[in-house]
Amino acid sequence: MKFTTKIVCLVFTLLLTGTSRAETVHIAIAANFTSAMKQIAQEFEKDTGHKTILSFASSGKIYAQIQHGAPFDVFLSADQTKPIALEKANLTVVKSRFTYAIGALALWSTKADLINNQLTVLHNNQFNKLSLANPKLAPYGTAAVETLTHLQLKQTTQHKWVLGENIAQAYQFVASGNADLGFVALSQIMDKGHIKGGSYYLVPDELYSPIKQDAVLLKSAQDNPAALALLDYLQSEKAQLIIKGYGYKTH
């Protein structure tokens, strides 16, 4: 995907003139991208000299904060809808938006033998609580509800749902044992390309709408070299390999 001409030119000019200096970029990040972004930020700081401030929350909460003037420079959403809405509200730099990752949904339990490929545990209602992110705030929660609807399991499981404010909280309900299982982002249960543990089911793509995660530059940061460099870095081969290592697709 091509970055905007303006941003490329600004970054290139800074490199050519040698006037680039360490700056700080404040990034608002959807909770599902926590682990990947922490690793990317570490490499970004090492490679560029810029500093990062990372704020993680549900996409819906971040979107509301930006509307109310939160001092973020870059928004990494878990969907396309909210960055597009910010574009329409004239709060972003024109043509700065791009898809940095395509997410995958998984059903996960810390119990090694609870989940199988037939989803027997869901069909037979053999669990205490089912964790998912609030679909009103988090795209992964929307994907979970779509999946249950397609499987005709929404009505039979709904009384056992526990809703997290974001996908990080949905994950924590399962990790802590407060829920037997839950719908999480695949990235949350992966480490360097391998599942961390427990049992899981990778939800087929056709059961939910594609989770295209868009990044966008906020208007207040249009002249911030660290913000420009960060968006450029997200599309680098190094960052793309990190993103793929957490189970995302990049295009």
Protein backbone atom coordinates (compact mmCIF):
# COMPACT_ATOMS: atom_id res chain seq x y z
CA MET A 1 0.00 0.00 0.00
CA LYS A 2 1.30 3.43 -0.91
CA PHE A 3 1.83 6.01 1.76
CA THR A 4 0.76 9.58 1.08
CA THR A 5 3.10 11.60 -1.10
CA LYS A 6 3.24 14.34 1.50
CA ILE A 7 4.37 12.05 4.29
CA VAL A 8 6.96 10.27 2.16
CA CYS A 9 8.40 13.59 1.01
CA LEU A 10 8.61 14.97 4.52
CA VAL A 11 10.37 11.90 5.86
CA PHE A 12 12.73 11.81 2.86
CA THR A 13 13.56 15.50 3.22
CA LEU A 14 14.42 15.10 6.88
CA LEU A 15 16.75 12.22 6.08
CA LEU A 16 18.47 14.06 3.23
CA THR A 17 19.04 17.29 5.10
CA GLY A 18 20.20 15.60 8.25
CA THR A 19 17.87 17.82 10.28
CA SER A 20 15.97 14.89 11.74
CA ARG A 21 16.06 14.92 15.52
CA ALA A 22 14.54 12.73 18.17
CA GLU A 23 10.88 13.51 18.70
CA THR A 24 8.02 11.79 20.51
CA VAL A 25 4.92 10.20 18.99
CA HIS A 26 1.84 9.45 21.11
CA ILE A 27 0.08 6.42 19.66
CA ALA A 28 -3.44 5.28 20.56
CA ILE A 29 -3.68 1.55 19.89
CA ALA A 30 -6.52 -0.96 19.81
CA ALA A 31 -6.09 -3.44 22.65
CA ASN A 32 -5.73 -6.49 20.36
CA PHE A 33 -2.49 -5.05 18.97
CA THR A 34 -0.82 -4.61 22.38
CA SER A 35 1.94 -7.23 22.17
CA ALA A 36 2.78 -6.57 18.55
CA MET A 37 2.93 -2.81 19.05
CA LYS A 38 5.16 -3.04 22.12
CA GLN A 39 7.66 -5.01 20.07
CA ILE A 40 7.38 -2.69 17.07
CA ALA A 41 7.78 0.39 19.27
CA GLN A 42 10.94 -1.04 20.80
CA GLU A 43 12.46 -1.65 17.37
CA PHE A 44 11.24 1.72 16.08
CA GLU A 45 12.91 3.59 18.93
CA LYS A 46 16.14 1.66 18.44
CA ASP A 47 16.19 2.18 14.67
CA THR A 48 15.07 5.83 14.48
CA GLY A 49 15.96 7.44 17.80
CA HIS A 50 12.39 8.71 18.20
CA LYS A 51 10.42 8.03 21.37
CA THR A 52 6.95 6.54 21.71
CA ILE A 53 4.11 6.90 24.18
CA LEU A 54 1.69 3.98 23.90
CA SER A 55 -1.95 4.11 25.02
CA PHE A 56 -4.07 0.95 24.72
CA ALA A 57 -7.87 0.74 24.88
CA SER A 58 -10.87 -0.38 22.87
CA SER A 59 -11.18 1.27 19.47
CA GLY A 60 -14.52 2.74 20.51
CA LYS A 61 -13.08 4.35 23.62
CA ILE A 62 -10.11 5.79 21.72
CA TYR A 63 -12.43 7.13 19.02
CA ALA A 64 -14.49 8.96 21.64
CA GLN A 65 -11.36 10.36 23.28
CA ILE A 66 -10.07 11.72 19.96
CA GLN A 67 -13.43 13.37 19.32
CA HIS A 68 -13.05 15.11 22.67
CA GLY A 69 -9.55 16.37 21.93
CA ALA A 70 -7.25 13.69 23.37
CA PRO A 71 -3.63 14.55 22.46
CA PHE A 72 -2.85 11.52 20.30
CA ASP A 73 -0.74 11.71 17.16
CA VAL A 74 -1.52 8.36 15.53
CA PHE A 75 -4.51 6.05 15.88
CA LEU A 76 -4.17 2.31 15.24
CA SER A 77 -7.75 1.08 15.21
CA ALA A 78 -9.07 -2.48 15.23
CA ASP A 79 -11.35 -1.61 12.33
CA GLN A 80 -11.76 0.77 9.40
CA THR A 81 -15.01 2.36 10.50
CA LYS A 82 -13.63 4.65 13.19
CA PRO A 83 -10.65 6.03 11.22
CA ILE A 84 -13.02 6.68 8.31
CA ALA A 85 -15.40 8.51 10.65
CA LEU A 86 -12.52 10.66 11.89
CA GLU A 87 -11.65 11.44 8.27
CA LYS A 88 -15.18 12.61 7.66
CA ALA A 89 -14.97 14.79 10.76
CA ASN A 90 -11.83 16.43 9.31
CA LEU A 91 -9.69 15.28 12.25
CA THR A 92 -7.08 13.37 10.23
CA VAL A 93 -4.49 14.10 7.57
CA VAL A 94 -5.97 13.50 4.13
CA LYS A 95 -4.98 10.17 2.56
CA SER A 96 -2.88 9.09 5.54
CA ARG A 97 -5.11 6.11 6.34
CA PHE A 98 -4.01 2.57 5.43
CA THR A 99 -4.59 -1.00 6.59
CA TYR A 100 -1.68 -2.07 8.78
CA ALA A 101 -3.04 -5.52 9.77
CA ILE A 102 -5.92 -7.91 9.16
CA GLY A 103 -6.95 -9.64 12.36
CA ALA A 104 -8.01 -13.19 13.08
CA LEU A 105 -10.50 -14.40 15.69
CA ALA A 106 -9.94 -17.45 17.89
CA LEU A 107 -11.90 -19.29 20.56
CA TRP A 108 -9.46 -20.03 23.39
CA SER A 109 -9.26 -21.75 26.76
CA THR A 110 -6.40 -22.26 29.20
CA LYS A 111 -7.61 -25.86 29.54
CA ALA A 112 -5.70 -28.05 27.11
CA ASP A 113 -8.55 -30.43 26.28
CA LEU A 114 -11.61 -28.18 26.36
CA ILE A 115 -11.86 -26.98 22.74
CA ASN A 116 -11.84 -29.16 19.64
CA ASN A 117 -12.38 -28.55 15.93
CA GLN A 118 -16.07 -29.48 16.17
CA LEU A 119 -16.71 -26.85 18.86
CA THR A 120 -18.42 -29.52 20.95
CA VAL A 121 -17.98 -27.40 24.07
CA LEU A 122 -20.17 -24.64 22.58
CA HIS A 123 -22.76 -26.88 21.00
CA ASN A 124 -23.20 -28.86 24.22
CA ASN A 125 -23.00 -25.80 26.50
CA GLN A 126 -20.24 -27.46 28.50
CA PHE A 127 -18.72 -24.36 30.08
CA ASN A 128 -19.35 -21.85 32.85
CA LYS A 129 -18.80 -18.49 31.12
CA LEU A 130 -18.00 -17.37 27.59
CA SER A 131 -15.89 -14.24 27.38
CA LEU A 132 -16.02 -11.77 24.51
CA ALA A 133 -15.33 -8.10 23.98
CA ASN A 134 -18.24 -5.67 24.05
CA PRO A 135 -19.46 -5.56 20.42
CA LYS A 136 -20.52 -1.93 20.88
CA LEU A 137 -16.93 -0.91 21.54
CA ALA A 138 -14.62 -3.52 20.06
CA PRO A 139 -14.55 -4.94 16.50
CA TYR A 140 -13.41 -8.32 17.81
CA GLY A 141 -16.54 -8.42 19.93
CA THR A 142 -18.61 -7.75 16.81
CA ALA A 143 -16.78 -10.59 15.05
CA ALA A 144 -17.51 -12.93 17.97
CA VAL A 145 -21.24 -12.16 17.87
CA GLU A 146 -21.28 -12.63 14.09
CA THR A 147 -19.58 -16.01 14.54
CA LEU A 148 -22.07 -17.20 17.15
CA THR A 149 -24.94 -16.02 14.95
CA HIS A 150 -23.63 -17.93 11.92
CA LEU A 151 -23.19 -21.04 14.06
CA GLN A 152 -26.74 -20.60 15.42
CA LEU A 153 -25.33 -20.49 18.93
CA LYS A 154 -26.08 -16.90 19.91
CA GLN A 155 -29.36 -17.59 21.70
CA THR A 156 -28.18 -20.75 23.47
CA THR A 157 -24.97 -19.20 24.82
CA GLN A 158 -25.94 -15.57 25.47
CA HIS A 159 -26.92 -16.13 29.12
CA LYS A 160 -23.32 -17.22 29.79
CA TRP A 161 -21.57 -14.27 28.12
CA VAL A 162 -19.23 -12.02 30.07
CA LEU A 163 -18.34 -8.84 28.19
CA GLY A 164 -14.96 -7.18 28.43
CA GLU A 165 -14.65 -3.47 27.72
CA ASN A 166 -12.04 -4.42 25.14
CA ILE A 167 -10.38 -7.54 23.80
CA ALA A 168 -7.62 -7.32 26.41
CA GLN A 169 -10.18 -7.64 29.20
CA ALA A 170 -11.98 -10.44 27.34
CA TYR A 171 -8.66 -12.29 27.20
CA GLN A 172 -8.00 -11.63 30.89
CA PHE A 173 -11.35 -13.19 31.90
CA VAL A 174 -10.17 -16.46 30.35
CA ALA A 175 -6.54 -16.22 31.49
CA SER A 176 -7.66 -15.66 35.11
CA GLY A 177 -10.11 -18.56 35.05
CA ASN A 178 -13.19 -16.39 35.47
CA ALA A 179 -14.41 -17.77 32.14
CA ASP A 180 -13.76 -21.27 30.83
CA LEU A 181 -13.26 -19.97 27.32
CA GLY A 182 -13.59 -16.87 25.20
CA PHE A 183 -13.28 -15.25 21.81
CA VAL A 184 -9.95 -13.46 21.60
CA ALA A 185 -7.66 -12.04 18.96
CA LEU A 186 -5.34 -14.75 17.62
CA SER A 187 -2.47 -12.35 18.28
CA GLN A 188 -3.12 -12.51 22.03
CA ILE A 189 -2.43 -16.24 22.24
CA MET A 190 0.55 -16.28 19.89
CA ASP A 191 4.20 -15.70 20.63
CA LYS A 192 6.71 -15.72 17.77
CA GLY A 193 4.38 -17.71 15.57
CA HIS A 194 3.37 -20.33 18.14
CA ILE A 195 0.31 -20.74 20.38
CA LYS A 196 1.25 -20.04 23.99
CA GLY A 197 -0.80 -22.88 25.49
CA GLY A 198 -4.25 -24.23 26.30
CA SER A 199 -6.66 -25.23 23.53
CA TYR A 200 -8.03 -23.09 20.72
CA TYR A 201 -10.11 -23.01 17.55
CA LEU A 202 -9.18 -20.68 14.73
CA VAL A 203 -12.50 -19.25 13.59
CA PRO A 204 -12.92 -19.53 9.79
CA ASP A 205 -12.84 -16.19 8.00
CA GLU A 206 -16.24 -16.74 6.41
CA LEU A 207 -17.99 -16.64 9.80
CA TYR A 208 -17.30 -12.95 10.45
CA SER A 209 -16.65 -9.74 8.56
CA PRO A 210 -12.96 -9.10 7.75
CA ILE A 211 -11.18 -7.35 10.61
CA LYS A 212 -9.22 -4.80 8.60
CA GLN A 213 -7.30 -2.64 11.05
CA ASP A 214 -6.51 0.86 9.83
CA ALA A 215 -3.92 3.36 10.96
CA VAL A 216 -4.36 7.10 10.52
CA LEU A 217 -2.42 10.27 11.23
CA LEU A 218 -4.30 12.85 13.28
CA LYS A 219 -4.32 16.39 11.99
CA SER A 220 -2.62 17.87 15.03
CA ALA A 221 0.46 15.71 14.30
CA GLN A 222 0.81 16.42 10.59
CA ASP A 223 4.20 18.08 11.10
CA ASN A 224 5.49 15.70 13.78
CA PRO A 225 8.48 13.84 12.27
CA ALA A 226 8.17 11.00 14.78
CA ALA A 227 4.53 10.41 13.83
CA LEU A 228 5.40 10.45 10.13
CA ALA A 229 8.28 8.06 10.70
CA LEU A 230 6.12 5.70 12.77
CA LEU A 231 3.51 5.32 10.05
CA ASP A 232 6.24 4.75 7.50
CA TYR A 233 7.91 2.20 9.81
CA LEU A 234 4.68 0.22 10.22
CA GLN A 235 4.87 -0.58 6.52
CA SER A 236 8.51 -1.64 6.60
CA GLU A 237 9.56 -5.25 6.11
CA LYS A 238 10.80 -5.44 9.70
CA ALA A 239 7.48 -4.34 11.17
CA GLN A 240 5.50 -6.51 8.77
CA LEU A 241 7.40 -9.60 9.94
CA ILE A 242 6.59 -8.76 13.56
CA ILE A 243 2.92 -8.26 12.71
CA LYS A 244 2.73 -11.60 10.88
CA GLY A 245 4.42 -13.29 13.84
CA TYR A 246 1.34 -12.47 15.93
CA GLY A 247 -1.04 -14.16 13.53
CA TYR A 248 -2.12 -11.14 11.49
CA LYS A 249 -2.20 -10.86 7.75
CA THR A 250 -0.75 -7.68 6.31
CA HIS A 251 -2.58 -7.49 2.95
